[in-house]
Amino acid sequence: MTIYLTELTNDKSYFPSLDSALKDPDGLLAIGGDLSPERIISAYRQGIFPWFSDGDPILWWSPSKRAIIQPTDCHISKSMKRLIRKNTFIVTVNHAFSDVIDACAQPRKSQAETWICTAMITAYNKLHQLGYAHSIEVWKEKQLVGGLYGMSIGKFFCGESMFSIENNSSKIAFIALNQHLSQFENTYIDCQMQTSHLSSLGVKEITREKFIQYLHTAKEQSLTEHCWTPQNIVLTTL
């Protein structure tokens, strides 16, 4: 079967209408372009993200369904509450962005390759330096054992990837992100694709149309000052 995709031009703000995204593979919208900060920021503001394998052309996606959560809706299981009360971990914001994305890029047990290629690492490190990409770090005995990173677009946080070396450390990072953003009046966290792991934490799946409606409002709003200043997060179980 022949697939026709829009090839992006030199105009870094242009993406085709989301209505033209393919149904199979779900959400594939465009090909090409570059990973410049201007293009990536424009993509996120339109509900689009890059996702491709090393050696392949850049692919841009906007799936028909989107996994999303409001920070105040994050579910903490009884077992996670017990773990939090033990104070086993220290959680920080923007202390080690490069280390987090490097850890996220490592192959997982369930897959031999990763989509976080060198070009993506370089692009998001640059976005971090510009104040758009941010990380949550989980530490145990001064060792980085878990974390996540993503993009902040107004009052919308777009999660990209998480990793876990210690059991449940990625859940700790996600819970910490939700609690932190709820304090700074962030409205939604985009988790892209639904998984059983995310569902157990309270993430819901909505249509692309509803997602864009939420994004359209939140992207023009500003977070409370100092949200992304390097700092510690103290978790609660309330």
C-alpha atoms as a PDB file:
ATOM      1  CA  MET A   1       0.000   0.000   0.000  1.00  0.00           C
ATOM      2  CA  THR A   2       1.338   3.427  -0.942  1.00  0.00           C
ATOM      3  CA  ILE A   3       1.434   6.021   1.837  1.00  0.00           C
ATOM      4  CA  TYR A   4       1.430   9.716   0.919  1.00  0.00           C
ATOM      5  CA  LEU A   5       2.929  12.072   3.492  1.00  0.00           C
ATOM      6  CA  THR A   6       3.461  15.810   3.501  1.00  0.00           C
ATOM      7  CA  GLU A   7       7.152  16.649   3.301  1.00  0.00           C
ATOM      8  CA  LEU A   8       7.930  19.655   5.465  1.00  0.00           C
ATOM      9  CA  THR A   9       9.335  22.816   3.907  1.00  0.00           C
ATOM     10  CA  ASN A  10      11.874  25.324   5.206  1.00  0.00           C
ATOM     11  CA  ASP A  11       9.023  27.116   6.981  1.00  0.00           C
ATOM     12  CA  LYS A  12       9.652  25.950  10.546  1.00  0.00           C
ATOM     13  CA  SER A  13       6.147  26.841  11.730  1.00  0.00           C
ATOM     14  CA  TYR A  14       4.269  24.926   9.030  1.00  0.00           C
ATOM     15  CA  PHE A  15       2.634  21.544   9.622  1.00  0.00           C
ATOM     16  CA  PRO A  16      -0.310  20.093   7.677  1.00  0.00           C
ATOM     17  CA  SER A  17      -3.770  19.958   9.199  1.00  0.00           C
ATOM     18  CA  LEU A  18      -4.135  17.298  11.870  1.00  0.00           C
ATOM     19  CA  ASP A  19      -7.140  16.000   9.955  1.00  0.00           C
ATOM     20  CA  SER A  20      -4.704  14.678   7.348  1.00  0.00           C
ATOM     21  CA  ALA A  21      -2.921  12.401   9.849  1.00  0.00           C
ATOM     22  CA  LEU A  22      -2.989   8.754   8.797  1.00  0.00           C
ATOM     23  CA  LYS A  23      -5.197   6.173  10.464  1.00  0.00           C
ATOM     24  CA  ASP A  24      -2.593   3.453   9.859  1.00  0.00           C
ATOM     25  CA  PRO A  25      -0.079   3.983  11.298  1.00  0.00           C
ATOM     26  CA  ASP A  26      -2.245   6.033  13.617  1.00  0.00           C
ATOM     27  CA  GLY A  27      -1.301   9.692  13.750  1.00  0.00           C
ATOM     28  CA  LEU A  28       1.562   9.803  11.252  1.00  0.00           C
ATOM     29  CA  LEU A  29       1.302  13.331   9.853  1.00  0.00           C
ATOM     30  CA  ALA A  30       4.457  14.494   8.069  1.00  0.00           C
ATOM     31  CA  ILE A  31       8.027  13.662   7.163  1.00  0.00           C
ATOM     32  CA  GLY A  32      11.286  15.570   6.998  1.00  0.00           C
ATOM     33  CA  GLY A  33      12.157  19.038   8.167  1.00  0.00           C
ATOM     34  CA  ASP A  34      14.637  19.375  10.997  1.00  0.00           C
ATOM     35  CA  LEU A  35      14.893  19.246  14.785  1.00  0.00           C
ATOM     36  CA  SER A  36      15.539  22.935  15.296  1.00  0.00           C
ATOM     37  CA  PRO A  37      14.094  24.449  18.491  1.00  0.00           C
ATOM     38  CA  GLU A  38      11.746  26.636  16.425  1.00  0.00           C
ATOM     39  CA  ARG A  39      10.234  23.666  14.569  1.00  0.00           C
ATOM     40  CA  ILE A  40       9.909  21.439  17.642  1.00  0.00           C
ATOM     41  CA  ILE A  41       8.276  24.187  19.705  1.00  0.00           C
ATOM     42  CA  SER A  42       5.879  24.923  16.843  1.00  0.00           C
ATOM     43  CA  ALA A  43       5.037  21.220  16.625  1.00  0.00           C
ATOM     44  CA  TYR A  44       4.185  20.916  20.317  1.00  0.00           C
ATOM     45  CA  ARG A  45       2.056  24.040  20.200  1.00  0.00           C
ATOM     46  CA  GLN A  46       0.009  22.333  17.471  1.00  0.00           C
ATOM     47  CA  GLY A  47      -0.289  18.964  19.244  1.00  0.00           C
ATOM     48  CA  ILE A  48       2.452  17.252  17.212  1.00  0.00           C
ATOM     49  CA  PHE A  49       5.644  15.491  18.287  1.00  0.00           C
ATOM     50  CA  PRO A  50       8.663  13.897  16.529  1.00  0.00           C
ATOM     51  CA  TRP A  51       9.202  10.145  16.805  1.00  0.00           C
ATOM     52  CA  PHE A  52      11.492   8.109  14.580  1.00  0.00           C
ATOM     53  CA  SER A  53      14.315   5.581  14.699  1.00  0.00           C
ATOM     54  CA  ASP A  54      17.997   6.332  14.226  1.00  0.00           C
ATOM     55  CA  GLY A  55      18.856   6.352  10.520  1.00  0.00           C
ATOM     56  CA  ASP A  56      15.257   6.994   9.427  1.00  0.00           C
ATOM     57  CA  PRO A  57      13.848  10.329   8.216  1.00  0.00           C
ATOM     58  CA  ILE A  58      12.221  12.547  10.847  1.00  0.00           C
ATOM     59  CA  LEU A  59       8.565  11.594  11.334  1.00  0.00           C
ATOM     60  CA  TRP A  60       5.922  13.805  12.973  1.00  0.00           C
ATOM     61  CA  TRP A  61       2.871  12.422  14.780  1.00  0.00           C
ATOM     62  CA  SER A  62      -0.501  13.421  16.180  1.00  0.00           C
ATOM     63  CA  PRO A  63      -2.374  10.247  17.246  1.00  0.00           C
ATOM     64  CA  SER A  64      -6.174  10.056  17.098  1.00  0.00           C
ATOM     65  CA  LYS A  65      -6.268   9.403  20.850  1.00  0.00           C
ATOM     66  CA  ARG A  66      -4.070  11.001  23.481  1.00  0.00           C
ATOM     67  CA  ALA A  67      -3.179   9.995  27.039  1.00  0.00           C
ATOM     68  CA  ILE A  68      -3.569  12.935  29.390  1.00  0.00           C
ATOM     69  CA  ILE A  69      -3.870  13.764  33.091  1.00  0.00           C
ATOM     70  CA  GLN A  70      -4.626  16.766  35.230  1.00  0.00           C
ATOM     71  CA  PRO A  71      -1.934  16.935  37.945  1.00  0.00           C
ATOM     72  CA  THR A  72      -4.474  16.872  40.777  1.00  0.00           C
ATOM     73  CA  ASP A  73      -5.901  13.572  39.448  1.00  0.00           C
ATOM     74  CA  CYS A  74      -2.715  11.532  39.903  1.00  0.00           C
ATOM     75  CA  HIS A  75      -3.492   8.271  41.708  1.00  0.00           C
ATOM     76  CA  ILE A  76      -1.107   7.000  44.381  1.00  0.00           C
ATOM     77  CA  SER A  77      -1.605   3.329  45.281  1.00  0.00           C
ATOM     78  CA  LYS A  78      -1.292   2.074  48.850  1.00  0.00           C
ATOM     79  CA  SER A  79       2.027   0.425  48.051  1.00  0.00           C
ATOM     80  CA  MET A  80       3.386   3.649  46.557  1.00  0.00           C
ATOM     81  CA  LYS A  81       2.231   5.604  49.601  1.00  0.00           C
ATOM     82  CA  ARG A  82       4.171   3.211  51.824  1.00  0.00           C
ATOM     83  CA  LEU A  83       7.242   3.643  49.621  1.00  0.00           C
ATOM     84  CA  ILE A  84       6.970   7.438  49.715  1.00  0.00           C
ATOM     85  CA  ARG A  85       6.715   7.418  53.526  1.00  0.00           C
ATOM     86  CA  LYS A  86       9.999   5.505  53.753  1.00  0.00           C
ATOM     87  CA  ASN A  87      11.819   8.540  52.287  1.00  0.00           C
ATOM     88  CA  THR A  88      14.058   6.228  50.271  1.00  0.00           C
ATOM     89  CA  PHE A  89      14.404   8.692  47.396  1.00  0.00           C
ATOM     90  CA  ILE A  90      15.305  12.324  46.883  1.00  0.00           C
ATOM     91  CA  VAL A  91      13.487  14.003  43.987  1.00  0.00           C
ATOM     92  CA  THR A  92      14.739  17.078  42.153  1.00  0.00           C
ATOM     93  CA  VAL A  93      13.816  19.353  39.256  1.00  0.00           C
ATOM     94  CA  ASN A  94      16.291  20.225  36.492  1.00  0.00           C
ATOM     95  CA  HIS A  95      19.379  19.043  38.356  1.00  0.00           C
ATOM     96  CA  ALA A  96      20.595  16.584  35.695  1.00  0.00           C
ATOM     97  CA  PHE A  97      18.661  16.955  32.446  1.00  0.00           C
ATOM     98  CA  SER A  98      21.408  15.534  30.220  1.00  0.00           C
ATOM     99  CA  ASP A  99      21.835  12.499  32.455  1.00  0.00           C
ATOM    100  CA  VAL A 100      18.085  11.851  32.446  1.00  0.00           C
ATOM    101  CA  ILE A 101      17.703  11.947  28.667  1.00  0.00           C
ATOM    102  CA  ASP A 102      20.812   9.777  28.260  1.00  0.00           C
ATOM    103  CA  ALA A 103      19.296   7.225  30.658  1.00  0.00           C
ATOM    104  CA  CYS A 104      15.952   7.338  28.824  1.00  0.00           C
ATOM    105  CA  ALA A 105      17.814   6.628  25.586  1.00  0.00           C
ATOM    106  CA  GLN A 106      19.243   3.345  26.838  1.00  0.00           C
ATOM    107  CA  PRO A 107      17.662   0.173  25.353  1.00  0.00           C
ATOM    108  CA  ARG A 108      15.039  -1.504  27.557  1.00  0.00           C
ATOM    109  CA  LYS A 109      14.687  -5.175  28.379  1.00  0.00           C
ATOM    110  CA  SER A 110      11.604  -5.310  26.178  1.00  0.00           C
ATOM    111  CA  GLN A 111      13.261  -3.661  23.166  1.00  0.00           C
ATOM    112  CA  ALA A 112      16.710  -3.759  21.627  1.00  0.00           C
ATOM    113  CA  GLU A 113      16.577  -0.229  20.184  1.00  0.00           C
ATOM    114  CA  THR A 114      15.494   3.198  21.338  1.00  0.00           C
ATOM    115  CA  TRP A 115      13.819   6.030  19.445  1.00  0.00           C
ATOM    116  CA  ILE A 116      15.850   8.603  21.390  1.00  0.00           C
ATOM    117  CA  CYS A 117      18.705   8.866  18.915  1.00  0.00           C
ATOM    118  CA  THR A 118      21.689  11.185  19.058  1.00  0.00           C
ATOM    119  CA  ALA A 119      19.895  13.861  17.034  1.00  0.00           C
ATOM    120  CA  MET A 120      16.973  13.847  19.475  1.00  0.00           C
ATOM    121  CA  ILE A 121      19.291  14.059  22.484  1.00  0.00           C
ATOM    122  CA  THR A 122      21.089  17.034  20.960  1.00  0.00           C
ATOM    123  CA  ALA A 123      17.796  18.759  20.099  1.00  0.00           C
ATOM    124  CA  TYR A 124      16.234  18.383  23.548  1.00  0.00           C
ATOM    125  CA  ASN A 125      19.415  19.376  25.356  1.00  0.00           C
ATOM    126  CA  LYS A 126      19.286  22.598  23.334  1.00  0.00           C
ATOM    127  CA  LEU A 127      15.612  23.050  24.241  1.00  0.00           C
ATOM    128  CA  HIS A 128      16.543  22.564  27.886  1.00  0.00           C
ATOM    129  CA  GLN A 129      19.159  25.308  27.616  1.00  0.00           C
ATOM    130  CA  LEU A 130      16.475  27.561  26.118  1.00  0.00           C
ATOM    131  CA  GLY A 131      14.106  26.863  29.027  1.00  0.00           C
ATOM    132  CA  TYR A 132      11.553  24.649  27.254  1.00  0.00           C
ATOM    133  CA  ALA A 133      12.609  21.090  28.136  1.00  0.00           C
ATOM    134  CA  HIS A 134      12.763  19.983  31.762  1.00  0.00           C
ATOM    135  CA  SER A 135      13.548  16.941  33.864  1.00  0.00           C
ATOM    136  CA  ILE A 136      12.543  15.284  37.097  1.00  0.00           C
ATOM    137  CA  GLU A 137      15.300  13.255  38.773  1.00  0.00           C
ATOM    138  CA  VAL A 138      14.998  10.497  41.377  1.00  0.00           C
ATOM    139  CA  TRP A 139      18.073   9.838  43.506  1.00  0.00           C
ATOM    140  CA  LYS A 140      19.003   7.070  45.920  1.00  0.00           C
ATOM    141  CA  GLU A 141      22.208   7.397  47.900  1.00  0.00           C
ATOM    142  CA  LYS A 142      23.370  10.143  45.498  1.00  0.00           C
ATOM    143  CA  GLN A 143      22.835   7.874  42.470  1.00  0.00           C
ATOM    144  CA  LEU A 144      20.378   8.749  39.697  1.00  0.00           C
ATOM    145  CA  VAL A 145      17.940   5.820  39.664  1.00  0.00           C
ATOM    146  CA  GLY A 146      14.923   7.201  37.825  1.00  0.00           C
ATOM    147  CA  GLY A 147      13.438  10.195  36.110  1.00  0.00           C
ATOM    148  CA  LEU A 148      11.579  11.702  33.197  1.00  0.00           C
ATOM    149  CA  TYR A 149      11.782  14.633  30.829  1.00  0.00           C
ATOM    150  CA  GLY A 150       9.451  16.623  28.621  1.00  0.00           C
ATOM    151  CA  MET A 151       8.452  19.982  27.179  1.00  0.00           C
ATOM    152  CA  SER A 152       6.652  22.820  28.929  1.00  0.00           C
ATOM    153  CA  ILE A 153       4.299  24.726  26.633  1.00  0.00           C
ATOM    154  CA  GLY A 154       2.523  27.376  28.678  1.00  0.00           C
ATOM    155  CA  LYS A 155       0.500  25.509  31.317  1.00  0.00           C
ATOM    156  CA  PHE A 156       0.784  22.256  29.363  1.00  0.00           C
ATOM    157  CA  PHE A 157       3.563  19.758  30.065  1.00  0.00           C
ATOM    158  CA  CYS A 158       4.297  17.263  27.294  1.00  0.00           C
ATOM    159  CA  GLY A 159       6.003  14.187  28.719  1.00  0.00           C
ATOM    160  CA  GLU A 160       8.509  12.496  26.432  1.00  0.00           C
ATOM    161  CA  SER A 161      10.109   9.555  28.213  1.00  0.00           C
ATOM    162  CA  MET A 162      10.913   8.127  31.631  1.00  0.00           C
ATOM    163  CA  PHE A 163      13.363   5.564  32.957  1.00  0.00           C
ATOM    164  CA  SER A 164      13.709   3.403  36.028  1.00  0.00           C
ATOM    165  CA  ILE A 165      16.797   1.665  37.387  1.00  0.00           C
ATOM    166  CA  GLU A 166      15.357   1.110  40.861  1.00  0.00           C
ATOM    167  CA  ASN A 167      11.924  -0.513  41.252  1.00  0.00           C
ATOM    168  CA  ASN A 168       9.114   2.069  41.092  1.00  0.00           C
ATOM    169  CA  SER A 169      11.496   5.013  40.631  1.00  0.00           C
ATOM    170  CA  SER A 170       9.787   6.098  37.398  1.00  0.00           C
ATOM    171  CA  LYS A 171       6.446   6.074  39.245  1.00  0.00           C
ATOM    172  CA  ILE A 172       8.021   8.246  41.917  1.00  0.00           C
ATOM    173  CA  ALA A 173       9.169  10.654  39.191  1.00  0.00           C
ATOM    174  CA  PHE A 174       5.690  10.789  37.646  1.00  0.00           C
ATOM    175  CA  ILE A 175       3.944  11.336  40.983  1.00  0.00           C
ATOM    176  CA  ALA A 176       6.476  14.047  41.824  1.00  0.00           C
ATOM    177  CA  LEU A 177       5.872  15.763  38.471  1.00  0.00           C
ATOM    178  CA  ASN A 178       2.128  15.829  39.105  1.00  0.00           C
ATOM    179  CA  GLN A 179       2.467  17.150  42.652  1.00  0.00           C
ATOM    180  CA  HIS A 180       4.985  19.763  41.589  1.00  0.00           C
ATOM    181  CA  LEU A 181       2.931  21.014  38.648  1.00  0.00           C
ATOM    182  CA  SER A 182      -0.272  21.122  40.693  1.00  0.00           C
ATOM    183  CA  GLN A 183       1.450  23.616  43.007  1.00  0.00           C
ATOM    184  CA  PHE A 184       2.405  25.799  40.035  1.00  0.00           C
ATOM    185  CA  GLU A 185      -1.046  25.680  38.407  1.00  0.00           C
ATOM    186  CA  ASN A 186      -0.093  23.589  35.377  1.00  0.00           C
ATOM    187  CA  THR A 187      -3.375  22.408  33.846  1.00  0.00           C
ATOM    188  CA  TYR A 188      -2.533  19.194  31.930  1.00  0.00           C
ATOM    189  CA  ILE A 189       0.216  16.649  31.370  1.00  0.00           C
ATOM    190  CA  ASP A 190       0.360  15.012  27.941  1.00  0.00           C
ATOM    191  CA  CYS A 191       1.568  11.405  28.171  1.00  0.00           C
ATOM    192  CA  GLN A 192       1.143  10.790  24.423  1.00  0.00           C
ATOM    193  CA  MET A 193       0.202   7.086  24.310  1.00  0.00           C
ATOM    194  CA  GLN A 194      -1.804   5.239  26.969  1.00  0.00           C
ATOM    195  CA  THR A 195      -0.219   2.266  28.775  1.00  0.00           C
ATOM    196  CA  SER A 196      -1.337   0.111  31.703  1.00  0.00           C
ATOM    197  CA  HIS A 197       1.494   1.693  33.726  1.00  0.00           C
ATOM    198  CA  LEU A 198       0.131   5.194  33.098  1.00  0.00           C
ATOM    199  CA  SER A 199      -3.487   4.118  33.532  1.00  0.00           C
ATOM    200  CA  SER A 200      -2.705   2.860  37.046  1.00  0.00           C
ATOM    201  CA  LEU A 201      -1.485   6.369  37.890  1.00  0.00           C
ATOM    202  CA  GLY A 202      -4.714   8.040  36.766  1.00  0.00           C
ATOM    203  CA  VAL A 203      -3.953   8.871  33.129  1.00  0.00           C
ATOM    204  CA  LYS A 204      -7.013   8.953  30.854  1.00  0.00           C
ATOM    205  CA  GLU A 205      -7.351   8.612  27.086  1.00  0.00           C
ATOM    206  CA  ILE A 206      -9.170  11.340  25.158  1.00  0.00           C
ATOM    207  CA  THR A 207      -9.752  12.165  21.509  1.00  0.00           C
ATOM    208  CA  ARG A 208      -7.332  14.274  19.512  1.00  0.00           C
ATOM    209  CA  GLU A 209     -10.026  16.937  19.162  1.00  0.00           C
ATOM    210  CA  LYS A 210     -10.513  17.238  22.921  1.00  0.00           C
ATOM    211  CA  PHE A 211      -6.744  17.225  23.436  1.00  0.00           C
ATOM    212  CA  ILE A 212      -6.274  20.124  21.005  1.00  0.00           C
ATOM    213  CA  GLN A 213      -9.075  22.016  22.742  1.00  0.00           C
ATOM    214  CA  TYR A 214      -7.259  21.728  26.088  1.00  0.00           C
ATOM    215  CA  LEU A 215      -3.893  22.562  24.526  1.00  0.00           C
ATOM    216  CA  HIS A 216      -5.243  25.612  22.701  1.00  0.00           C
ATOM    217  CA  THR A 217      -6.219  27.238  25.996  1.00  0.00           C
ATOM    218  CA  ALA A 218      -3.308  26.143  28.165  1.00  0.00           C
ATOM    219  CA  LYS A 219      -0.466  26.962  25.765  1.00  0.00           C
ATOM    220  CA  GLU A 220      -1.198  30.693  25.964  1.00  0.00           C
ATOM    221  CA  GLN A 221      -1.094  30.787  29.768  1.00  0.00           C
ATOM    222  CA  SER A 222       1.995  31.252  31.919  1.00  0.00           C
ATOM    223  CA  LEU A 223       3.092  29.046  34.786  1.00  0.00           C
ATOM    224  CA  THR A 224       3.686  30.498  38.211  1.00  0.00           C
ATOM    225  CA  GLU A 225       7.210  31.879  38.466  1.00  0.00           C
ATOM    226  CA  HIS A 226      10.084  29.575  39.488  1.00  0.00           C
ATOM    227  CA  CYS A 227       8.344  26.334  38.511  1.00  0.00           C
ATOM    228  CA  TRP A 228      11.425  25.142  36.626  1.00  0.00           C
ATOM    229  CA  THR A 229      14.102  26.635  38.849  1.00  0.00           C
ATOM    230  CA  PRO A 230      16.356  23.771  40.048  1.00  0.00           C
ATOM    231  CA  GLN A 231      14.847  22.605  43.348  1.00  0.00           C
ATOM    232  CA  ASN A 232      13.825  19.615  45.445  1.00  0.00           C
ATOM    233  CA  ILE A 233      10.336  18.130  45.496  1.00  0.00           C
ATOM    234  CA  VAL A 234       8.945  16.876  48.791  1.00  0.00           C
ATOM    235  CA  LEU A 235       6.347  14.192  48.079  1.00  0.00           C
ATOM    236  CA  THR A 236       3.121  13.877  50.044  1.00  0.00           C
ATOM    237  CA  THR A 237       0.652  10.984  50.335  1.00  0.00           C
ATOM    238  CA  LEU A 238      -2.475  13.056  50.867  1.00  0.00           C
END
